[in-house]
């Protein structure tokens, strides 16, 4: 069974990715009969484990992250132990900081998806979404990005599989190919109607493309 970590800072396309994975038969921590995932597919276990040293929109306390080491290792292992009957995935931007301190024997068991949207786009998107947090947002997002890169370097050194997901490479014309490649990577057997639902998340009327058009206008 795959144990998948989605690594992405805020506004990196990770929620869109998680929605697609949901339709492609990947579990984010709720049993199938519970019927509803959270809108962001994020577990509160990680947030509780690291909330004393990682707070949204504020520079990261790396010393505090180190002190959270045991709680983080437990939270990651406990999540996958509970959800092993299904291929399962763990998503939260805080993982970009928290997994920097988990042991190699935890990290080495995992498969990673790198949400590699350009950092500038993610910072600008977060500032627009949370203007009251804008003062430290660039530093906070940069901290998360640096942590993510440290984790991925370690993961590659341990022989972990890393799948690249670049939100800015996706267009309305290549959505079907994007979903097909993702399903092959996940090796799931989703029914055709659910594959179509995953593709439909890219519809031009959805906020994903609307937001990108706005960003392009801002840069011009």
N, C-alpha and C. Protein backbone atom coordinates (compact mmCIF):
# COMPACT_ATOMS: atom_id res chain seq x y z
N UNK A 1 0.84 -1.19 0.00
CA UNK A 1 0.00 0.00 0.00
C UNK A 1 0.88 1.25 0.00
N UNK A 2 0.48 2.25 -0.77
CA UNK A 2 1.25 3.48 -0.84
C UNK A 2 0.97 4.37 0.37
N UNK A 3 2.03 4.96 0.91
CA UNK A 3 1.93 5.97 1.96
C UNK A 3 2.43 7.27 1.35
N UNK A 4 1.51 8.14 0.98
CA UNK A 4 1.86 9.29 0.15
C UNK A 4 1.82 10.57 0.96
N UNK A 5 2.89 11.33 0.88
CA UNK A 5 2.95 12.65 1.48
C UNK A 5 2.87 13.70 0.37
N UNK A 6 1.89 14.60 0.45
CA UNK A 6 1.80 15.73 -0.46
C UNK A 6 2.54 16.89 0.18
N UNK A 7 3.62 17.33 -0.45
CA UNK A 7 4.42 18.44 0.07
C UNK A 7 4.18 19.68 -0.79
N UNK A 8 3.56 20.68 -0.20
CA UNK A 8 3.33 21.92 -0.90
C UNK A 8 3.05 23.04 0.07
N UNK A 9 3.58 24.21 -0.21
CA UNK A 9 3.26 25.39 0.60
C UNK A 9 1.83 25.79 0.30
N UNK A 10 1.32 26.79 0.99
CA UNK A 10 -0.03 27.29 0.72
C UNK A 10 -0.11 27.83 -0.71
N UNK A 11 -1.26 27.63 -1.35
CA UNK A 11 -1.48 28.11 -2.72
C UNK A 11 -0.47 27.52 -3.72
N UNK A 12 -0.23 26.23 -3.57
CA UNK A 12 0.68 25.55 -4.49
C UNK A 12 -0.04 24.56 -5.39
N UNK A 13 -1.36 24.48 -5.28
CA UNK A 13 -2.13 23.52 -6.05
C UNK A 13 -2.36 22.21 -5.33
N UNK A 14 -1.96 22.13 -4.06
CA UNK A 14 -2.05 20.85 -3.34
C UNK A 14 -3.49 20.42 -3.06
N UNK A 15 -4.39 21.37 -2.84
CA UNK A 15 -5.78 21.00 -2.58
C UNK A 15 -6.45 20.49 -3.85
N UNK A 16 -6.17 21.12 -4.98
CA UNK A 16 -6.66 20.62 -6.25
C UNK A 16 -6.16 19.20 -6.49
N UNK A 17 -4.88 18.97 -6.24
CA UNK A 17 -4.30 17.65 -6.40
C UNK A 17 -4.99 16.64 -5.49
N UNK A 18 -5.21 17.01 -4.23
CA UNK A 18 -5.85 16.10 -3.29
C UNK A 18 -7.28 15.75 -3.74
N UNK A 19 -8.00 16.74 -4.28
CA UNK A 19 -9.34 16.45 -4.79
C UNK A 19 -9.31 15.43 -5.91
N UNK A 20 -8.34 15.55 -6.81
CA UNK A 20 -8.20 14.57 -7.88
C UNK A 20 -7.88 13.19 -7.31
N UNK A 21 -6.95 13.15 -6.35
CA UNK A 21 -6.56 11.87 -5.77
C UNK A 21 -7.72 11.21 -5.06
N UNK A 22 -8.58 12.00 -4.43
CA UNK A 22 -9.78 11.48 -3.79
C UNK A 22 -10.63 10.71 -4.80
N UNK A 23 -10.86 11.29 -5.97
CA UNK A 23 -11.65 10.61 -6.99
C UNK A 23 -10.92 9.40 -7.56
N UNK A 24 -9.59 9.39 -7.46
CA UNK A 24 -8.80 8.28 -7.98
C UNK A 24 -8.53 7.22 -6.91
N UNK A 25 -9.35 7.20 -5.86
CA UNK A 25 -9.36 6.12 -4.85
C UNK A 25 -8.20 6.21 -3.85
N UNK A 26 -7.80 7.40 -3.50
CA UNK A 26 -6.80 7.59 -2.45
C UNK A 26 -7.50 8.16 -1.22
N UNK A 27 -7.15 7.63 -0.07
CA UNK A 27 -7.82 7.97 1.18
C UNK A 27 -7.01 9.02 1.95
N UNK A 28 -7.70 10.04 2.44
CA UNK A 28 -7.05 11.10 3.21
C UNK A 28 -7.42 11.06 4.69
N UNK A 29 -7.87 9.92 5.17
CA UNK A 29 -8.04 9.78 6.61
C UNK A 29 -9.45 9.60 7.10
N UNK A 30 -10.44 9.70 6.24
CA UNK A 30 -11.81 9.41 6.64
C UNK A 30 -12.22 8.08 6.03
N UNK A 31 -12.87 7.26 6.85
CA UNK A 31 -13.33 5.97 6.35
C UNK A 31 -14.34 6.19 5.22
N UNK A 32 -14.41 5.28 4.24
CA UNK A 32 -15.31 5.47 3.11
C UNK A 32 -16.76 5.72 3.50
N UNK A 33 -17.22 5.11 4.58
CA UNK A 33 -18.63 5.27 4.94
C UNK A 33 -18.90 6.58 5.67
N UNK A 34 -17.88 7.36 5.96
CA UNK A 34 -18.12 8.66 6.58
C UNK A 34 -18.60 9.70 5.57
N UNK A 35 -18.33 9.43 4.29
CA UNK A 35 -19.01 10.15 3.24
C UNK A 35 -18.53 11.54 2.89
N UNK A 36 -17.63 12.15 3.66
CA UNK A 36 -17.27 13.53 3.36
C UNK A 36 -15.86 13.83 3.83
N UNK A 37 -15.07 14.40 2.94
CA UNK A 37 -13.75 14.88 3.30
C UNK A 37 -13.82 16.36 3.63
N UNK A 38 -12.83 16.83 4.37
CA UNK A 38 -12.73 18.26 4.57
C UNK A 38 -12.39 18.95 3.27
N UNK A 39 -12.70 20.22 3.16
CA UNK A 39 -12.51 20.94 1.91
C UNK A 39 -11.05 20.98 1.48
N UNK A 40 -10.12 20.95 2.44
CA UNK A 40 -8.70 21.02 2.10
C UNK A 40 -8.00 19.67 2.22
N UNK A 41 -8.71 18.61 2.63
CA UNK A 41 -8.15 17.27 2.76
C UNK A 41 -6.97 17.25 3.74
N UNK A 42 -7.02 18.07 4.76
CA UNK A 42 -5.90 18.16 5.69
C UNK A 42 -6.26 17.55 7.04
N UNK A 43 -5.33 16.80 7.59
CA UNK A 43 -5.54 16.20 8.90
C UNK A 43 -5.17 17.19 9.99
N UNK A 44 -5.95 17.20 11.05
CA UNK A 44 -5.64 18.07 12.19
C UNK A 44 -4.56 17.48 13.09
N UNK A 45 -4.23 16.19 12.87
CA UNK A 45 -3.21 15.55 13.71
C UNK A 45 -1.87 16.26 13.59
N UNK A 46 -1.50 16.60 12.35
CA UNK A 46 -0.22 17.28 12.14
C UNK A 46 -0.27 18.68 12.73
N UNK A 47 -1.38 19.36 12.52
CA UNK A 47 -1.50 20.72 13.04
C UNK A 47 -1.38 20.73 14.56
N UNK A 48 -2.02 19.76 15.22
CA UNK A 48 -1.92 19.69 16.68
C UNK A 48 -0.50 19.38 17.13
N UNK A 49 0.21 18.54 16.37
CA UNK A 49 1.56 18.13 16.77
C UNK A 49 2.57 19.26 16.67
N UNK A 50 2.32 20.23 15.81
CA UNK A 50 3.34 21.23 15.51
C UNK A 50 2.86 22.67 15.70
N UNK A 51 1.65 22.85 16.18
CA UNK A 51 1.08 24.20 16.21
C UNK A 51 1.81 25.15 17.16
N UNK A 52 2.57 24.61 18.12
CA UNK A 52 3.30 25.50 19.04
C UNK A 52 4.46 26.21 18.35
N UNK A 53 4.96 25.65 17.25
CA UNK A 53 6.14 26.24 16.60
C UNK A 53 5.90 26.63 15.16
N UNK A 54 4.78 26.24 14.58
CA UNK A 54 4.42 26.68 13.24
C UNK A 54 3.03 27.29 13.31
N UNK A 55 2.96 28.57 13.05
CA UNK A 55 1.68 29.27 13.06
C UNK A 55 1.49 29.95 11.72
N UNK A 56 0.29 29.85 11.20
CA UNK A 56 0.02 30.33 9.86
C UNK A 56 0.41 31.80 9.68
N UNK A 57 1.19 32.06 8.64
CA UNK A 57 1.55 33.43 8.30
C UNK A 57 2.64 34.06 9.14
N UNK A 58 3.29 33.26 10.00
CA UNK A 58 4.35 33.80 10.84
C UNK A 58 5.65 33.05 10.57
N UNK A 59 6.81 33.72 10.70
CA UNK A 59 8.09 33.02 10.51
C UNK A 59 8.17 31.78 11.38
N UNK A 60 8.80 30.73 10.86
CA UNK A 60 8.80 29.44 11.54
C UNK A 60 9.90 29.37 12.60
N UNK A 61 9.54 28.85 13.75
CA UNK A 61 10.46 28.62 14.86
C UNK A 61 11.11 27.25 14.67
N UNK A 62 12.29 27.23 14.02
CA UNK A 62 12.92 25.95 13.70
C UNK A 62 13.40 25.21 14.94
N UNK A 63 13.79 25.94 15.98
CA UNK A 63 14.16 25.27 17.24
C UNK A 63 12.95 24.56 17.82
N UNK A 64 11.81 25.23 17.77
CA UNK A 64 10.59 24.60 18.24
C UNK A 64 10.21 23.39 17.44
N UNK A 65 10.42 23.43 16.12
CA UNK A 65 10.13 22.26 15.28
C UNK A 65 10.96 21.08 15.73
N UNK A 66 12.24 21.31 16.02
CA UNK A 66 13.10 20.22 16.50
C UNK A 66 12.55 19.63 17.79
N UNK A 67 12.01 20.46 18.65
CA UNK A 67 11.46 19.98 19.92
C UNK A 67 10.17 19.18 19.72
N UNK A 68 9.54 19.31 18.54
CA UNK A 68 8.31 18.57 18.23
C UNK A 68 8.60 17.21 17.61
N UNK A 69 9.86 16.84 17.53
CA UNK A 69 10.27 15.67 16.76
C UNK A 69 9.50 14.40 17.11
N UNK A 70 9.42 14.06 18.37
CA UNK A 70 8.76 12.81 18.76
C UNK A 70 7.28 12.84 18.44
N UNK A 71 6.62 13.97 18.69
CA UNK A 71 5.20 14.07 18.40
C UNK A 71 4.92 13.95 16.90
N UNK A 72 5.81 14.52 16.09
CA UNK A 72 5.62 14.46 14.64
C UNK A 72 5.79 13.05 14.11
N UNK A 73 6.84 12.37 14.56
CA UNK A 73 7.06 10.99 14.11
C UNK A 73 5.87 10.11 14.49
N UNK A 74 5.36 10.31 15.70
CA UNK A 74 4.20 9.53 16.14
C UNK A 74 2.98 9.85 15.28
N UNK A 75 2.74 11.13 15.00
CA UNK A 75 1.55 11.52 14.25
C UNK A 75 1.57 10.94 12.84
N UNK A 76 2.73 10.96 12.19
CA UNK A 76 2.83 10.41 10.84
C UNK A 76 2.63 8.90 10.85
N UNK A 77 3.33 8.20 11.74
CA UNK A 77 3.20 6.75 11.82
C UNK A 77 1.78 6.33 12.20
N UNK A 78 1.19 7.06 13.15
CA UNK A 78 -0.15 6.70 13.61
C UNK A 78 -1.18 6.88 12.50
N UNK A 79 -1.04 7.94 11.72
CA UNK A 79 -1.97 8.16 10.61
C UNK A 79 -1.97 6.97 9.65
N UNK A 80 -0.80 6.58 9.19
CA UNK A 80 -0.74 5.51 8.21
C UNK A 80 -1.08 4.15 8.82
N UNK A 81 -0.79 3.96 10.10
CA UNK A 81 -1.20 2.70 10.74
C UNK A 81 -2.71 2.55 10.72
N UNK A 82 -3.42 3.64 10.99
CA UNK A 82 -4.89 3.59 11.02
C UNK A 82 -5.48 3.36 9.64
N UNK A 83 -4.83 3.89 8.61
CA UNK A 83 -5.44 3.88 7.28
C UNK A 83 -4.73 2.97 6.30
N UNK A 84 -3.97 1.97 6.81
CA UNK A 84 -3.27 1.05 5.92
C UNK A 84 -4.18 0.19 5.05
N UNK A 85 -5.43 -0.10 5.44
CA UNK A 85 -6.26 -0.93 4.55
C UNK A 85 -6.45 -0.33 3.16
N UNK A 86 -6.24 0.97 3.02
CA UNK A 86 -6.37 1.63 1.72
C UNK A 86 -5.09 2.40 1.43
N UNK A 87 -4.79 2.56 0.13
CA UNK A 87 -3.75 3.53 -0.21
C UNK A 87 -4.14 4.85 0.43
N UNK A 88 -3.23 5.49 1.13
CA UNK A 88 -3.62 6.69 1.87
C UNK A 88 -2.56 7.77 1.74
N UNK A 89 -3.03 9.00 1.95
CA UNK A 89 -2.16 10.17 1.75
C UNK A 89 -2.34 11.15 2.89
N UNK A 90 -1.29 11.88 3.15
CA UNK A 90 -1.27 12.87 4.22
C UNK A 90 -0.92 14.22 3.60
N UNK A 91 -1.74 15.23 3.91
CA UNK A 91 -1.54 16.55 3.33
C UNK A 91 -1.71 17.62 4.39
N UNK A 92 -0.75 18.51 4.46
CA UNK A 92 -0.85 19.72 5.27
C UNK A 92 0.39 20.56 4.96
N UNK A 93 0.25 21.87 4.70
CA UNK A 93 1.44 22.68 4.46
C UNK A 93 2.47 22.60 5.59
N UNK A 94 2.00 22.40 6.84
CA UNK A 94 2.92 22.31 7.97
C UNK A 94 3.89 21.14 7.83
N UNK A 95 3.54 20.13 7.02
CA UNK A 95 4.44 19.01 6.81
C UNK A 95 5.76 19.46 6.20
N UNK A 96 5.74 20.58 5.47
CA UNK A 96 6.97 21.10 4.86
C UNK A 96 7.98 21.51 5.93
N UNK A 97 7.51 21.80 7.12
CA UNK A 97 8.41 22.07 8.25
C UNK A 97 8.57 20.83 9.11
N UNK A 98 7.47 20.19 9.44
CA UNK A 98 7.50 19.10 10.40
C UNK A 98 8.33 17.91 9.99
N UNK A 99 8.28 17.54 8.72
CA UNK A 99 9.00 16.35 8.30
C UNK A 99 10.51 16.56 8.22
N UNK A 100 10.96 17.79 8.43
CA UNK A 100 12.41 18.03 8.44
C UNK A 100 13.09 17.31 9.60
N UNK A 101 12.33 16.97 10.64
CA UNK A 101 12.95 16.40 11.84
C UNK A 101 12.54 14.95 12.12
N UNK A 102 11.70 14.35 11.27
CA UNK A 102 11.35 12.95 11.53
C UNK A 102 12.54 12.07 11.16
N UNK A 103 12.61 10.91 11.79
CA UNK A 103 13.74 10.00 11.60
C UNK A 103 13.73 9.40 10.20
N UNK A 104 14.91 8.97 9.75
CA UNK A 104 15.03 8.34 8.44
C UNK A 104 14.16 7.10 8.31
N UNK A 105 13.98 6.35 9.39
CA UNK A 105 13.18 5.13 9.29
C UNK A 105 11.69 5.44 9.09
N UNK A 106 11.27 6.66 9.41
CA UNK A 106 9.91 7.11 9.09
C UNK A 106 9.88 7.65 7.66
N UNK A 107 10.81 8.54 7.36
CA UNK A 107 10.84 9.18 6.05
C UNK A 107 11.02 8.17 4.93
N UNK A 108 11.84 7.16 5.17
CA UNK A 108 12.16 6.19 4.13
C UNK A 108 11.01 5.31 3.71
N UNK A 109 9.93 5.29 4.49
CA UNK A 109 8.76 4.46 4.16
C UNK A 109 7.80 5.17 3.21
N UNK A 110 8.06 6.44 2.92
CA UNK A 110 7.04 7.29 2.30
C UNK A 110 7.30 7.53 0.82
N UNK A 111 6.22 7.81 0.11
CA UNK A 111 6.26 8.28 -1.26
C UNK A 111 5.84 9.75 -1.25
N UNK A 112 6.48 10.58 -2.07
CA UNK A 112 6.23 12.02 -2.01
C UNK A 112 5.69 12.55 -3.34
N UNK A 113 4.79 13.52 -3.23
CA UNK A 113 4.39 14.32 -4.38
C UNK A 113 4.83 15.75 -4.09
N UNK A 114 5.67 16.27 -4.96
CA UNK A 114 6.22 17.62 -4.80
C UNK A 114 5.35 18.60 -5.57
N UNK A 115 4.60 19.44 -4.85
CA UNK A 115 3.82 20.50 -5.48
C UNK A 115 4.77 21.65 -5.77
N UNK A 116 5.22 21.72 -7.02
CA UNK A 116 6.35 22.59 -7.34
C UNK A 116 5.94 23.86 -8.07
N UNK A 117 4.81 24.42 -7.71
CA UNK A 117 4.44 25.71 -8.27
C UNK A 117 5.48 26.75 -7.89
N UNK A 118 5.84 27.68 -8.79
CA UNK A 118 6.83 28.70 -8.44
C UNK A 118 6.46 29.41 -7.14
N UNK A 119 7.47 29.57 -6.27
CA UNK A 119 7.23 30.13 -4.94
C UNK A 119 6.60 31.52 -5.02
N UNK A 120 7.04 32.35 -5.95
CA UNK A 120 6.48 33.70 -6.06
C UNK A 120 4.96 33.65 -6.26
N UNK A 121 4.50 32.72 -7.10
CA UNK A 121 3.06 32.61 -7.34
C UNK A 121 2.33 32.19 -6.07
N UNK A 122 2.91 31.26 -5.32
CA UNK A 122 2.27 30.81 -4.08
C UNK A 122 2.23 31.93 -3.04
N UNK A 123 3.30 32.70 -2.94
CA UNK A 123 3.33 33.81 -1.99
C UNK A 123 2.27 34.85 -2.36
N UNK A 124 2.24 35.22 -3.64
CA UNK A 124 1.27 36.23 -4.07
C UNK A 124 -0.16 35.76 -3.88
N UNK A 125 -0.41 34.48 -4.16
CA UNK A 125 -1.75 33.94 -3.97
C UNK A 125 -2.16 33.96 -2.52
N UNK A 126 -1.25 33.62 -1.62
CA UNK A 126 -1.56 33.62 -0.19
C UNK A 126 -1.80 35.04 0.32
N UNK A 127 -1.03 36.00 -0.16
CA UNK A 127 -1.23 37.39 0.27
C UNK A 127 -2.59 37.89 -0.17
N UNK A 128 -2.98 37.54 -1.40
CA UNK A 128 -4.31 37.97 -1.86
C UNK A 128 -5.42 37.31 -1.05
N UNK A 129 -5.21 36.04 -0.71
CA UNK A 129 -6.25 35.30 0.02
C UNK A 129 -6.33 35.73 1.49
N UNK A 130 -5.20 36.13 2.06
CA UNK A 130 -5.15 36.48 3.48
C UNK A 130 -4.43 37.82 3.66
N UNK A 131 -5.02 38.91 3.21
CA UNK A 131 -4.33 40.22 3.25
C UNK A 131 -3.94 40.66 4.65
N UNK A 132 -4.67 40.23 5.68
CA UNK A 132 -4.33 40.64 7.04
C UNK A 132 -3.07 39.94 7.54
N UNK A 133 -2.66 38.90 6.85
CA UNK A 133 -1.44 38.17 7.23
C UNK A 133 -0.27 38.52 6.32
N UNK A 134 -0.40 39.56 5.54
CA UNK A 134 0.57 39.81 4.47
C UNK A 134 1.95 40.21 4.98
N UNK A 135 2.06 40.76 6.20
CA UNK A 135 3.33 41.31 6.67
C UNK A 135 4.45 40.29 6.64
N UNK A 136 4.17 39.07 7.11
CA UNK A 136 5.22 38.05 7.20
C UNK A 136 4.99 36.89 6.24
N UNK A 137 4.02 37.01 5.32
CA UNK A 137 3.65 35.88 4.48
C UNK A 137 4.80 35.42 3.59
N UNK A 138 5.56 36.35 3.03
CA UNK A 138 6.66 35.94 2.15
C UNK A 138 7.71 35.14 2.92
N UNK A 139 8.05 35.59 4.13
CA UNK A 139 9.05 34.86 4.93
C UNK A 139 8.51 33.50 5.35
N UNK A 140 7.26 33.47 5.77
CA UNK A 140 6.63 32.21 6.19
C UNK A 140 6.60 31.20 5.05
N UNK A 141 6.13 31.63 3.88
CA UNK A 141 6.06 30.73 2.73
C UNK A 141 7.47 30.29 2.30
N UNK A 142 8.41 31.20 2.37
CA UNK A 142 9.80 30.86 2.03
C UNK A 142 10.35 29.83 3.01
N UNK A 143 10.05 30.00 4.30
CA UNK A 143 10.45 29.01 5.31
C UNK A 143 9.90 27.62 4.96
N UNK A 144 8.62 27.56 4.62
CA UNK A 144 8.00 26.28 4.26
C UNK A 144 8.67 25.68 3.02
N UNK A 145 8.94 26.53 2.04
CA UNK A 145 9.57 26.06 0.80
C UNK A 145 10.98 25.50 1.08
N UNK A 146 11.75 26.20 1.92
CA UNK A 146 13.09 25.72 2.25
C UNK A 146 13.02 24.39 2.99
N UNK A 147 12.06 24.27 3.91
CA UNK A 147 11.89 23.00 4.61
C UNK A 147 11.52 21.88 3.65
N UNK A 148 10.63 22.18 2.71
CA UNK A 148 10.22 21.18 1.72
C UNK A 148 11.42 20.68 0.93
N UNK A 149 12.29 21.59 0.51
CA UNK A 149 13.46 21.19 -0.26
C UNK A 149 14.41 20.32 0.55
N UNK A 150 14.55 20.63 1.83
CA UNK A 150 15.39 19.79 2.69
C UNK A 150 14.82 18.37 2.81
N UNK A 151 13.50 18.29 2.95
CA UNK A 151 12.85 16.98 3.05
C UNK A 151 13.03 16.17 1.77
N UNK A 152 12.80 16.82 0.63
CA UNK A 152 12.91 16.11 -0.64
C UNK A 152 14.33 15.65 -0.90
N UNK A 153 15.33 16.45 -0.52
CA UNK A 153 16.72 16.04 -0.69
C UNK A 153 17.00 14.79 0.14
N UNK A 154 16.52 14.78 1.37
CA UNK A 154 16.69 13.59 2.21
C UNK A 154 15.96 12.39 1.64
N UNK A 155 14.73 12.61 1.21
CA UNK A 155 13.91 11.51 0.68
C UNK A 155 14.57 10.88 -0.54
N UNK A 156 15.10 11.71 -1.43
CA UNK A 156 15.76 11.17 -2.63
C UNK A 156 17.02 10.40 -2.23
N UNK A 157 17.72 10.89 -1.22
CA UNK A 157 18.90 10.18 -0.74
C UNK A 157 18.57 8.83 -0.14
N UNK A 158 17.35 8.70 0.40
CA UNK A 158 16.90 7.44 0.98
C UNK A 158 16.26 6.52 -0.05
N UNK A 159 16.18 6.98 -1.30
CA UNK A 159 15.60 6.15 -2.36
C UNK A 159 14.09 6.24 -2.46
N UNK A 160 13.48 7.23 -1.82
CA UNK A 160 12.02 7.38 -1.89
C UNK A 160 11.61 7.85 -3.29
N UNK A 161 10.42 7.46 -3.70
CA UNK A 161 9.86 7.94 -4.96
C UNK A 161 9.33 9.36 -4.77
N UNK A 162 9.65 10.25 -5.70
CA UNK A 162 9.16 11.63 -5.67
C UNK A 162 8.51 11.94 -7.02
N UNK A 163 7.23 12.28 -6.99
CA UNK A 163 6.46 12.61 -8.20
C UNK A 163 6.30 14.11 -8.27
N UNK A 164 6.65 14.69 -9.41
CA UNK A 164 6.58 16.14 -9.56
C UNK A 164 5.21 16.57 -10.05
N UNK A 165 4.62 17.53 -9.34
CA UNK A 165 3.30 18.08 -9.70
C UNK A 165 3.45 19.59 -9.77
N UNK A 166 3.47 20.12 -10.99
CA UNK A 166 3.63 21.57 -11.18
C UNK A 166 2.30 22.16 -11.65
N UNK A 167 1.66 22.87 -10.75
CA UNK A 167 0.34 23.44 -11.03
C UNK A 167 0.36 24.36 -12.24
N UNK A 168 1.43 25.11 -12.41
CA UNK A 168 1.50 26.08 -13.52
C UNK A 168 1.69 25.42 -14.88
N UNK A 169 1.97 24.12 -14.90
CA UNK A 169 2.07 23.40 -16.18
C UNK A 169 0.72 22.93 -16.69
N UNK A 170 -0.32 23.02 -15.86
CA UNK A 170 -1.63 22.48 -16.22
C UNK A 170 -2.44 23.52 -16.99
N UNK A 171 -3.04 23.09 -18.08
CA UNK A 171 -3.90 23.95 -18.88
C UNK A 171 -5.21 23.22 -19.14
N UNK A 172 -6.25 23.95 -19.56
CA UNK A 172 -7.52 23.27 -19.88
C UNK A 172 -7.37 22.20 -20.96
N UNK A 173 -6.38 22.35 -21.82
CA UNK A 173 -6.23 21.40 -22.93
C UNK A 173 -5.48 20.13 -22.56
N UNK A 174 -4.74 20.11 -21.45
CA UNK A 174 -3.98 18.91 -21.11
C UNK A 174 -4.46 18.22 -19.84
N UNK A 175 -5.64 18.62 -19.34
CA UNK A 175 -6.14 18.08 -18.06
C UNK A 175 -6.27 16.56 -18.08
N UNK A 176 -6.80 16.04 -19.19
CA UNK A 176 -7.01 14.59 -19.27
C UNK A 176 -5.68 13.85 -19.18
N UNK A 177 -4.65 14.35 -19.86
CA UNK A 177 -3.33 13.71 -19.79
C UNK A 177 -2.75 13.79 -18.39
N UNK A 178 -2.96 14.93 -17.72
CA UNK A 178 -2.45 15.11 -16.36
C UNK A 178 -3.06 14.07 -15.42
N UNK A 179 -4.37 13.89 -15.52
CA UNK A 179 -5.06 12.92 -14.66
C UNK A 179 -4.62 11.50 -15.01
N UNK A 180 -4.45 11.22 -16.28
CA UNK A 180 -4.04 9.88 -16.70
C UNK A 180 -2.66 9.55 -16.13
N UNK A 181 -1.72 10.49 -16.22
CA UNK A 181 -0.38 10.25 -15.68
C UNK A 181 -0.42 10.06 -14.16
N UNK A 182 -1.26 10.85 -13.49
CA UNK A 182 -1.38 10.72 -12.05
C UNK A 182 -1.96 9.37 -11.67
N UNK A 183 -2.98 8.92 -12.39
CA UNK A 183 -3.56 7.62 -12.07
C UNK A 183 -2.56 6.50 -12.29
N UNK A 184 -1.75 6.60 -13.33
CA UNK A 184 -0.73 5.59 -13.56
C UNK A 184 0.27 5.57 -12.40
N UNK A 185 0.66 6.74 -11.93
CA UNK A 185 1.58 6.81 -10.81
C UNK A 185 0.95 6.20 -9.55
N UNK A 186 -0.31 6.54 -9.30
CA UNK A 186 -0.99 6.04 -8.11
C UNK A 186 -1.35 4.56 -8.23
N UNK A 187 -1.45 4.07 -9.47
CA UNK A 187 -1.79 2.68 -9.74
C UNK A 187 -3.13 2.29 -9.11
N UNK A 188 -4.12 3.16 -9.33
CA UNK A 188 -5.45 2.90 -8.80
C UNK A 188 -6.35 2.38 -9.91
N UNK A 189 -7.52 1.92 -9.51
CA UNK A 189 -8.48 1.36 -10.46
C UNK A 189 -9.81 2.09 -10.36
N UNK A 190 -9.74 3.40 -10.43
CA UNK A 190 -10.95 4.21 -10.33
C UNK A 190 -11.84 3.96 -11.55
N UNK A 191 -13.13 3.94 -11.33
CA UNK A 191 -14.08 3.77 -12.43
C UNK A 191 -14.03 4.99 -13.35
N UNK A 192 -14.35 4.79 -14.62
CA UNK A 192 -14.26 5.91 -15.59
C UNK A 192 -15.03 7.15 -15.15
N UNK A 193 -16.19 6.97 -14.50
CA UNK A 193 -16.96 8.15 -14.09
C UNK A 193 -16.23 8.96 -13.02
N UNK A 194 -15.43 8.29 -12.19
CA UNK A 194 -14.67 9.02 -11.19
C UNK A 194 -13.44 9.68 -11.78
N UNK A 195 -12.85 9.06 -12.80
CA UNK A 195 -11.76 9.71 -13.53
C UNK A 195 -12.28 11.00 -14.16
N UNK A 196 -13.49 10.95 -14.72
CA UNK A 196 -14.08 12.14 -15.33
C UNK A 196 -14.32 13.23 -14.28
N UNK A 197 -14.70 12.83 -13.07
CA UNK A 197 -14.88 13.81 -12.00
C UNK A 197 -13.55 14.47 -11.65
N UNK A 198 -12.47 13.68 -11.64
CA UNK A 198 -11.16 14.26 -11.37
C UNK A 198 -10.79 15.27 -12.45
N UNK A 199 -11.06 14.92 -13.71
CA UNK A 199 -10.76 15.84 -14.81
C UNK A 199 -11.61 17.09 -14.71
N UNK A 200 -12.85 16.94 -14.26
CA UNK A 200 -13.77 18.09 -14.22
C UNK A 200 -13.31 19.16 -13.23
N UNK A 201 -12.44 18.82 -12.29
CA UNK A 201 -11.93 19.81 -11.34
C UNK A 201 -11.13 20.90 -12.03
N UNK A 202 -10.70 20.63 -13.28
CA UNK A 202 -9.92 21.61 -14.03
C UNK A 202 -10.77 22.51 -14.90
N UNK A 203 -12.09 22.37 -14.81
CA UNK A 203 -12.95 23.15 -15.68
C UNK A 203 -12.58 24.64 -15.61
N UNK A 204 -12.60 25.31 -16.75
CA UNK A 204 -12.19 26.71 -16.79
C UNK A 204 -13.05 27.60 -15.92
N UNK A 205 -14.26 27.15 -15.62
CA UNK A 205 -15.13 27.96 -14.77
C UNK A 205 -14.73 27.88 -13.31
N UNK A 206 -13.84 26.91 -12.96
CA UNK A 206 -13.43 26.75 -11.58
C UNK A 206 -12.42 27.82 -11.19
N UNK A 207 -12.30 28.06 -9.90
CA UNK A 207 -11.48 29.17 -9.42
C UNK A 207 -9.99 28.95 -9.68
N UNK A 208 -9.58 27.69 -9.94
CA UNK A 208 -8.17 27.43 -10.18
C UNK A 208 -7.67 28.24 -11.38
N UNK A 209 -8.39 28.16 -12.49
CA UNK A 209 -7.98 28.89 -13.68
C UNK A 209 -8.31 30.36 -13.57
N UNK A 210 -9.42 30.69 -12.93
CA UNK A 210 -9.75 32.10 -12.72
C UNK A 210 -8.64 32.79 -11.95
N UNK A 211 -8.17 32.13 -10.89
CA UNK A 211 -7.09 32.70 -10.08
C UNK A 211 -5.81 32.87 -10.87
N UNK A 212 -5.52 31.92 -11.74
CA UNK A 212 -4.29 32.02 -12.52
C UNK A 212 -4.37 33.18 -13.50
N UNK A 213 -5.53 33.35 -14.14
CA UNK A 213 -5.70 34.47 -15.07
C UNK A 213 -5.50 35.79 -14.34
N UNK A 214 -6.03 35.89 -13.10
CA UNK A 214 -5.87 37.11 -12.32
C UNK A 214 -4.39 37.36 -12.01
N UNK A 215 -3.66 36.30 -11.66
CA UNK A 215 -2.24 36.45 -11.35
C UNK A 215 -1.46 36.93 -12.57
N UNK A 216 -1.79 36.38 -13.75
CA UNK A 216 -1.10 36.81 -14.95
C UNK A 216 -1.36 38.29 -15.22
N UNK A 217 -2.59 38.72 -14.96
CA UNK A 217 -2.92 40.13 -15.13
C UNK A 217 -2.15 41.00 -14.16
N UNK A 218 -1.98 40.52 -12.91
CA UNK A 218 -1.23 41.28 -11.91
C UNK A 218 0.23 41.46 -12.35
N UNK A 219 0.83 40.41 -12.93
CA UNK A 219 2.23 40.48 -13.32
C UNK A 219 2.41 41.43 -14.50
N UNK A 220 1.39 41.49 -15.38
CA UNK A 220 1.47 42.42 -16.50
C UNK A 220 1.29 43.85 -16.04
